[in-house]
Amino acid sequence: MTIFGKKIAAIADMSPIAKMADSFFGIIYDHNFHELSSTIGILLLGSFIFLVIIHVMYRPEKFEG
């Protein structure tokens, strides 16, 4: 991934999808459960943050005709 530069490669490594894929491949092929709890924790925390944002931003009265 160094074709596009080190900064873009570093940004791509921070992606939750990349973390999840690395964790699952580590479990499947290496039987390494080390990253599983942190990956699930980060995904749950991110989901909770987005749920709170949606709860605060969503107003049903905006959508009534």
PDB file of N, CA and C in Angstrom:
ATOM      1  N   MET A   1       0.821  -1.188   0.000  1.00  0.00           N
ATOM      2  CA  MET A   1       0.000   0.000   0.000  1.00  0.00           C
ATOM      3  C   MET A   1       0.864   1.250   0.000  1.00  0.00           C
ATOM      4  N   THR A   2       2.145   1.112  -0.158  1.00  0.00           N
ATOM      5  CA  THR A   2       3.019   2.283  -0.153  1.00  0.00           C
ATOM      6  C   THR A   2       3.082   2.960  -1.510  1.00  0.00           C
ATOM      7  N   ILE A   3       2.282   2.514  -2.460  1.00  0.00           N
ATOM      8  CA  ILE A   3       2.256   3.146  -3.780  1.00  0.00           C
ATOM      9  C   ILE A   3       1.759   4.582  -3.655  1.00  0.00           C
ATOM     10  N   PHE A   4       0.776   4.815  -2.808  1.00  0.00           N
ATOM     11  CA  PHE A   4       0.162   6.129  -2.688  1.00  0.00           C
ATOM     12  C   PHE A   4       0.812   6.981  -1.598  1.00  0.00           C
ATOM     13  N   GLY A   5       1.748   6.471  -0.904  1.00  0.00           N
ATOM     14  CA  GLY A   5       2.429   7.239   0.122  1.00  0.00           C
ATOM     15  C   GLY A   5       2.178   6.699   1.513  1.00  0.00           C
ATOM     16  N   LYS A   6       3.043   7.088   2.405  1.00  0.00           N
ATOM     17  CA  LYS A   6       2.956   6.580   3.773  1.00  0.00           C
ATOM     18  C   LYS A   6       1.769   7.156   4.529  1.00  0.00           C
ATOM     19  N   LYS A   7       1.416   8.421   4.265  1.00  0.00           N
ATOM     20  CA  LYS A   7       0.297   9.042   4.980  1.00  0.00           C
ATOM     21  C   LYS A   7      -1.025   8.380   4.621  1.00  0.00           C
ATOM     22  N   ILE A   8      -1.241   8.097   3.363  1.00  0.00           N
ATOM     23  CA  ILE A   8      -2.482   7.446   2.952  1.00  0.00           C
ATOM     24  C   ILE A   8      -2.532   6.018   3.469  1.00  0.00           C
ATOM     25  N   ALA A   9      -1.393   5.357   3.490  1.00  0.00           N
ATOM     26  CA  ALA A   9      -1.352   4.005   4.050  1.00  0.00           C
ATOM     27  C   ALA A   9      -1.673   4.036   5.543  1.00  0.00           C
ATOM     28  N   ALA A  10      -1.193   5.058   6.250  1.00  0.00           N
ATOM     29  CA  ALA A  10      -1.492   5.178   7.682  1.00  0.00           C
ATOM     30  C   ALA A  10      -2.977   5.459   7.909  1.00  0.00           C
ATOM     31  N   ILE A  11      -3.579   6.282   7.065  1.00  0.00           N
ATOM     32  CA  ILE A  11      -5.016   6.558   7.172  1.00  0.00           C
ATOM     33  C   ILE A  11      -5.821   5.296   6.895  1.00  0.00           C
ATOM     34  N   ALA A  12      -5.416   4.536   5.902  1.00  0.00           N
ATOM     35  CA  ALA A  12      -6.126   3.299   5.570  1.00  0.00           C
ATOM     36  C   ALA A  12      -6.003   2.269   6.690  1.00  0.00           C
ATOM     37  N   ASP A  13      -4.897   2.265   7.404  1.00  0.00           N
ATOM     38  CA  ASP A  13      -4.722   1.325   8.520  1.00  0.00           C
ATOM     39  C   ASP A  13      -5.604   1.672   9.707  1.00  0.00           C
ATOM     40  N   MET A  14      -6.045   2.917   9.810  1.00  0.00           N
ATOM     41  CA  MET A  14      -6.917   3.326  10.910  1.00  0.00           C
ATOM     42  C   MET A  14      -8.389   3.006  10.637  1.00  0.00           C
ATOM     43  N   SER A  15      -8.696   2.551   9.464  1.00  0.00           N
ATOM     44  CA  SER A  15     -10.076   2.247   9.097  1.00  0.00           C
ATOM     45  C   SER A  15     -10.631   1.111   9.959  1.00  0.00           C
ATOM     46  N   PRO A  16     -11.872   1.254  10.444  1.00  0.00           N
ATOM     47  CA  PRO A  16     -12.460   0.171  11.236  1.00  0.00           C
ATOM     48  C   PRO A  16     -12.629  -1.121  10.435  1.00  0.00           C
ATOM     49  N   ILE A  17     -12.848  -0.987   9.156  1.00  0.00           N
ATOM     50  CA  ILE A  17     -13.010  -2.176   8.314  1.00  0.00           C
ATOM     51  C   ILE A  17     -11.682  -2.922   8.215  1.00  0.00           C
ATOM     52  N   ALA A  18     -10.586  -2.183   8.080  1.00  0.00           N
ATOM     53  CA  ALA A  18      -9.271  -2.817   8.017  1.00  0.00           C
ATOM     54  C   ALA A  18      -8.937  -3.500   9.340  1.00  0.00           C
ATOM     55  N   LYS A  19      -9.242  -2.837  10.457  1.00  0.00           N
ATOM     56  CA  LYS A  19      -8.994  -3.447  11.770  1.00  0.00           C
ATOM     57  C   LYS A  19      -9.805  -4.725  11.939  1.00  0.00           C
ATOM     58  N   MET A  20     -11.079  -4.681  11.529  1.00  0.00           N
ATOM     59  CA  MET A  20     -11.944  -5.842  11.661  1.00  0.00           C
ATOM     60  C   MET A  20     -11.445  -6.993  10.788  1.00  0.00           C
ATOM     61  N   ALA A  21     -11.057  -6.680   9.563  1.00  0.00           N
ATOM     62  CA  ALA A  21     -10.562  -7.720   8.662  1.00  0.00           C
ATOM     63  C   ALA A  21      -9.264  -8.328   9.188  1.00  0.00           C
ATOM     64  N   ASP A  22      -8.352  -7.492   9.673  1.00  0.00           N
ATOM     65  CA  ASP A  22      -7.093  -8.010  10.238  1.00  0.00           C
ATOM     66  C   ASP A  22      -7.364  -8.907  11.439  1.00  0.00           C
ATOM     67  N   SER A  23      -8.295  -8.484  12.278  1.00  0.00           N
ATOM     68  CA  SER A  23      -8.620  -9.274  13.462  1.00  0.00           C
ATOM     69  C   SER A  23      -9.214 -10.629  13.078  1.00  0.00           C
ATOM     70  N   PHE A  24     -10.162 -10.628  12.148  1.00  0.00           N
ATOM     71  CA  PHE A  24     -10.800 -11.883  11.754  1.00  0.00           C
ATOM     72  C   PHE A  24      -9.842 -12.812  11.021  1.00  0.00           C
ATOM     73  N   PHE A  25      -8.977 -12.256  10.166  1.00  0.00           N
ATOM     74  CA  PHE A  25      -7.993 -13.102   9.501  1.00  0.00           C
ATOM     75  C   PHE A  25      -6.994 -13.666  10.497  1.00  0.00           C
ATOM     76  N   GLY A  26      -6.646 -12.868  11.522  1.00  0.00           N
ATOM     77  CA  GLY A  26      -5.755 -13.363  12.570  1.00  0.00           C
ATOM     78  C   GLY A  26      -6.379 -14.512  13.344  1.00  0.00           C
ATOM     79  N   ILE A  27      -7.680 -14.413  13.597  1.00  0.00           N
ATOM     80  CA  ILE A  27      -8.377 -15.493  14.299  1.00  0.00           C
ATOM     81  C   ILE A  27      -8.441 -16.744  13.432  1.00  0.00           C
ATOM     82  N   ILE A  28      -8.791 -16.579  12.183  1.00  0.00           N
ATOM     83  CA  ILE A  28      -8.995 -17.728  11.296  1.00  0.00           C
ATOM     84  C   ILE A  28      -7.678 -18.446  11.007  1.00  0.00           C
ATOM     85  N   TYR A  29      -6.651 -17.688  10.625  1.00  0.00           N
ATOM     86  CA  TYR A  29      -5.428 -18.326  10.151  1.00  0.00           C
ATOM     87  C   TYR A  29      -4.364 -18.520  11.226  1.00  0.00           C
ATOM     88  N   ASP A  30      -4.296 -17.613  12.206  1.00  0.00           N
ATOM     89  CA  ASP A  30      -3.232 -17.692  13.211  1.00  0.00           C
ATOM     90  C   ASP A  30      -3.742 -18.121  14.583  1.00  0.00           C
ATOM     91  N   HIS A  31      -5.055 -18.266  14.742  1.00  0.00           N
ATOM     92  CA  HIS A  31      -5.672 -18.568  16.035  1.00  0.00           C
ATOM     93  C   HIS A  31      -5.235 -17.542  17.081  1.00  0.00           C
ATOM     94  N   ASN A  32      -5.181 -16.275  16.644  1.00  0.00           N
ATOM     95  CA  ASN A  32      -4.744 -15.165  17.489  1.00  0.00           C
ATOM     96  C   ASN A  32      -5.972 -14.337  17.877  1.00  0.00           C
ATOM     97  N   PHE A  33      -6.378 -14.428  19.129  1.00  0.00           N
ATOM     98  CA  PHE A  33      -7.549 -13.710  19.616  1.00  0.00           C
ATOM     99  C   PHE A  33      -7.160 -12.406  20.318  1.00  0.00           C
ATOM    100  N   HIS A  34      -5.930 -11.973  20.156  1.00  0.00           N
ATOM    101  CA  HIS A  34      -5.408 -10.815  20.869  1.00  0.00           C
ATOM    102  C   HIS A  34      -6.151  -9.520  20.510  1.00  0.00           C
ATOM    103  N   GLU A  35      -6.444  -9.293  19.254  1.00  0.00           N
ATOM    104  CA  GLU A  35      -7.058  -8.046  18.805  1.00  0.00           C
ATOM    105  C   GLU A  35      -8.579  -8.089  18.807  1.00  0.00           C
ATOM    106  N   LEU A  36      -9.173  -9.208  19.117  1.00  0.00           N
ATOM    107  CA  LEU A  36     -10.621  -9.343  19.002  1.00  0.00           C
ATOM    108  C   LEU A  36     -11.366  -8.413  19.949  1.00  0.00           C
ATOM    109  N   SER A  37     -10.980  -8.380  21.201  1.00  0.00           N
ATOM    110  CA  SER A  37     -11.717  -7.566  22.172  1.00  0.00           C
ATOM    111  C   SER A  37     -11.586  -6.071  21.870  1.00  0.00           C
ATOM    112  N   SER A  38     -10.403  -5.630  21.473  1.00  0.00           N
ATOM    113  CA  SER A  38     -10.247  -4.203  21.157  1.00  0.00           C
ATOM    114  C   SER A  38     -11.016  -3.836  19.892  1.00  0.00           C
ATOM    115  N   THR A  39     -11.039  -4.714  18.901  1.00  0.00           N
ATOM    116  CA  THR A  39     -11.779  -4.437  17.673  1.00  0.00           C
ATOM    117  C   THR A  39     -13.274  -4.358  17.944  1.00  0.00           C
ATOM    118  N   ILE A  40     -13.799  -5.305  18.688  1.00  0.00           N
ATOM    119  CA  ILE A  40     -15.225  -5.281  19.013  1.00  0.00           C
ATOM    120  C   ILE A  40     -15.550  -4.068  19.878  1.00  0.00           C
ATOM    121  N   GLY A  41     -14.677  -3.730  20.805  1.00  0.00           N
ATOM    122  CA  GLY A  41     -14.893  -2.561  21.648  1.00  0.00           C
ATOM    123  C   GLY A  41     -14.934  -1.265  20.851  1.00  0.00           C
ATOM    124  N   ILE A  42     -14.020  -1.117  19.909  1.00  0.00           N
ATOM    125  CA  ILE A  42     -13.998   0.087  19.073  1.00  0.00           C
ATOM    126  C   ILE A  42     -15.247   0.161  18.204  1.00  0.00           C
ATOM    127  N   LEU A  43     -15.660  -0.959  17.632  1.00  0.00           N
ATOM    128  CA  LEU A  43     -16.867  -0.963  16.806  1.00  0.00           C
ATOM    129  C   LEU A  43     -18.116  -0.647  17.627  1.00  0.00           C
ATOM    130  N   LEU A  44     -18.211  -1.200  18.843  1.00  0.00           N
ATOM    131  CA  LEU A  44     -19.367  -0.905  19.700  1.00  0.00           C
ATOM    132  C   LEU A  44     -19.371   0.552  20.144  1.00  0.00           C
ATOM    133  N   LEU A  45     -18.212   1.087  20.482  1.00  0.00           N
ATOM    134  CA  LEU A  45     -18.128   2.483  20.886  1.00  0.00           C
ATOM    135  C   LEU A  45     -18.513   3.415  19.739  1.00  0.00           C
ATOM    136  N   GLY A  46     -18.014   3.130  18.554  1.00  0.00           N
ATOM    137  CA  GLY A  46     -18.375   3.933  17.389  1.00  0.00           C
ATOM    138  C   GLY A  46     -19.861   3.851  17.079  1.00  0.00           C
ATOM    139  N   SER A  47     -20.435   2.669  17.205  1.00  0.00           N
ATOM    140  CA  SER A  47     -21.872   2.508  16.969  1.00  0.00           C
ATOM    141  C   SER A  47     -22.679   3.287  17.989  1.00  0.00           C
ATOM    142  N   PHE A  48     -22.254   3.245  19.247  1.00  0.00           N
ATOM    143  CA  PHE A  48     -22.958   3.981  20.298  1.00  0.00           C
ATOM    144  C   PHE A  48     -22.877   5.482  20.059  1.00  0.00           C
ATOM    145  N   ILE A  49     -21.714   5.970  19.658  1.00  0.00           N
ATOM    146  CA  ILE A  49     -21.566   7.403  19.379  1.00  0.00           C
ATOM    147  C   ILE A  49     -22.489   7.825  18.242  1.00  0.00           C
ATOM    148  N   PHE A  50     -22.554   7.038  17.174  1.00  0.00           N
ATOM    149  CA  PHE A  50     -23.434   7.380  16.067  1.00  0.00           C
ATOM    150  C   PHE A  50     -24.904   7.296  16.461  1.00  0.00           C
ATOM    151  N   LEU A  51     -25.272   6.345  17.306  1.00  0.00           N
ATOM    152  CA  LEU A  51     -26.651   6.272  17.787  1.00  0.00           C
ATOM    153  C   LEU A  51     -27.028   7.504  18.607  1.00  0.00           C
ATOM    154  N   VAL A  52     -26.109   7.968  19.432  1.00  0.00           N
ATOM    155  CA  VAL A  52     -26.376   9.179  20.219  1.00  0.00           C
ATOM    156  C   VAL A  52     -26.523  10.387  19.298  1.00  0.00           C
ATOM    157  N   ILE A  53     -25.662  10.509  18.309  1.00  0.00           N
ATOM    158  CA  ILE A  53     -25.748  11.624  17.364  1.00  0.00           C
ATOM    159  C   ILE A  53     -27.072  11.585  16.615  1.00  0.00           C
ATOM    160  N   ILE A  54     -27.469  10.422  16.149  1.00  0.00           N
ATOM    161  CA  ILE A  54     -28.738  10.301  15.423  1.00  0.00           C
ATOM    162  C   ILE A  54     -29.908  10.623  16.338  1.00  0.00           C
ATOM    163  N   HIS A  55     -29.857  10.175  17.578  1.00  0.00           N
ATOM    164  CA  HIS A  55     -30.935  10.446  18.527  1.00  0.00           C
ATOM    165  C   HIS A  55     -31.078  11.949  18.784  1.00  0.00           C
ATOM    166  N   VAL A  56     -29.958  12.642  18.878  1.00  0.00           N
ATOM    167  CA  VAL A  56     -29.990  14.080  19.138  1.00  0.00           C
ATOM    168  C   VAL A  56     -30.418  14.853  17.893  1.00  0.00           C
ATOM    169  N   MET A  57     -29.946  14.441  16.721  1.00  0.00           N
ATOM    170  CA  MET A  57     -30.191  15.197  15.491  1.00  0.00           C
ATOM    171  C   MET A  57     -31.547  14.913  14.847  1.00  0.00           C
ATOM    172  N   TYR A  58     -32.117  13.745  15.085  1.00  0.00           N
ATOM    173  CA  TYR A  58     -33.352  13.353  14.414  1.00  0.00           C
ATOM    174  C   TYR A  58     -34.543  14.008  15.089  1.00  0.00           C
ATOM    175  N   ARG A  59     -35.313  14.710  14.312  1.00  0.00           N
ATOM    176  CA  ARG A  59     -36.541  15.323  14.803  1.00  0.00           C
ATOM    177  C   ARG A  59     -37.683  14.897  13.886  1.00  0.00           C
ATOM    178  N   PRO A  60     -38.634  14.088  14.398  1.00  0.00           N
ATOM    179  CA  PRO A  60     -39.706  13.578  13.550  1.00  0.00           C
ATOM    180  C   PRO A  60     -40.592  14.683  12.979  1.00  0.00           C
ATOM    181  N   GLU A  61     -40.720  15.807  13.644  1.00  0.00           N
ATOM    182  CA  GLU A  61     -41.594  16.855  13.159  1.00  0.00           C
ATOM    183  C   GLU A  61     -41.072  17.484  11.859  1.00  0.00           C
ATOM    184  N   LYS A  62     -39.798  17.306  11.565  1.00  0.00           N
ATOM    185  CA  LYS A  62     -39.250  17.824  10.316  1.00  0.00           C
ATOM    186  C   LYS A  62     -39.760  17.051   9.105  1.00  0.00           C
ATOM    187  N   PHE A  63     -40.199  15.820   9.306  1.00  0.00           N
ATOM    188  CA  PHE A  63     -40.560  14.962   8.201  1.00  0.00           C
ATOM    189  C   PHE A  63     -42.064  14.837   7.995  1.00  0.00           C
ATOM    190  N   GLU A  64     -42.856  15.475   8.820  1.00  0.00           N
ATOM    191  CA  GLU A  64     -44.305  15.412   8.641  1.00  0.00           C
ATOM    192  C   GLU A  64     -44.729  16.385   7.553  1.00  0.00           C
ATOM    193  N   GLY A  65     -45.681  15.958   6.739  1.00  0.00           N
ATOM    194  CA  GLY A  65     -46.119  16.712   5.579  1.00  0.00           C
ATOM    195  C   GLY A  65     -46.988  17.852   5.910  1.00  0.00           C
TER     196      GLY A  65
END
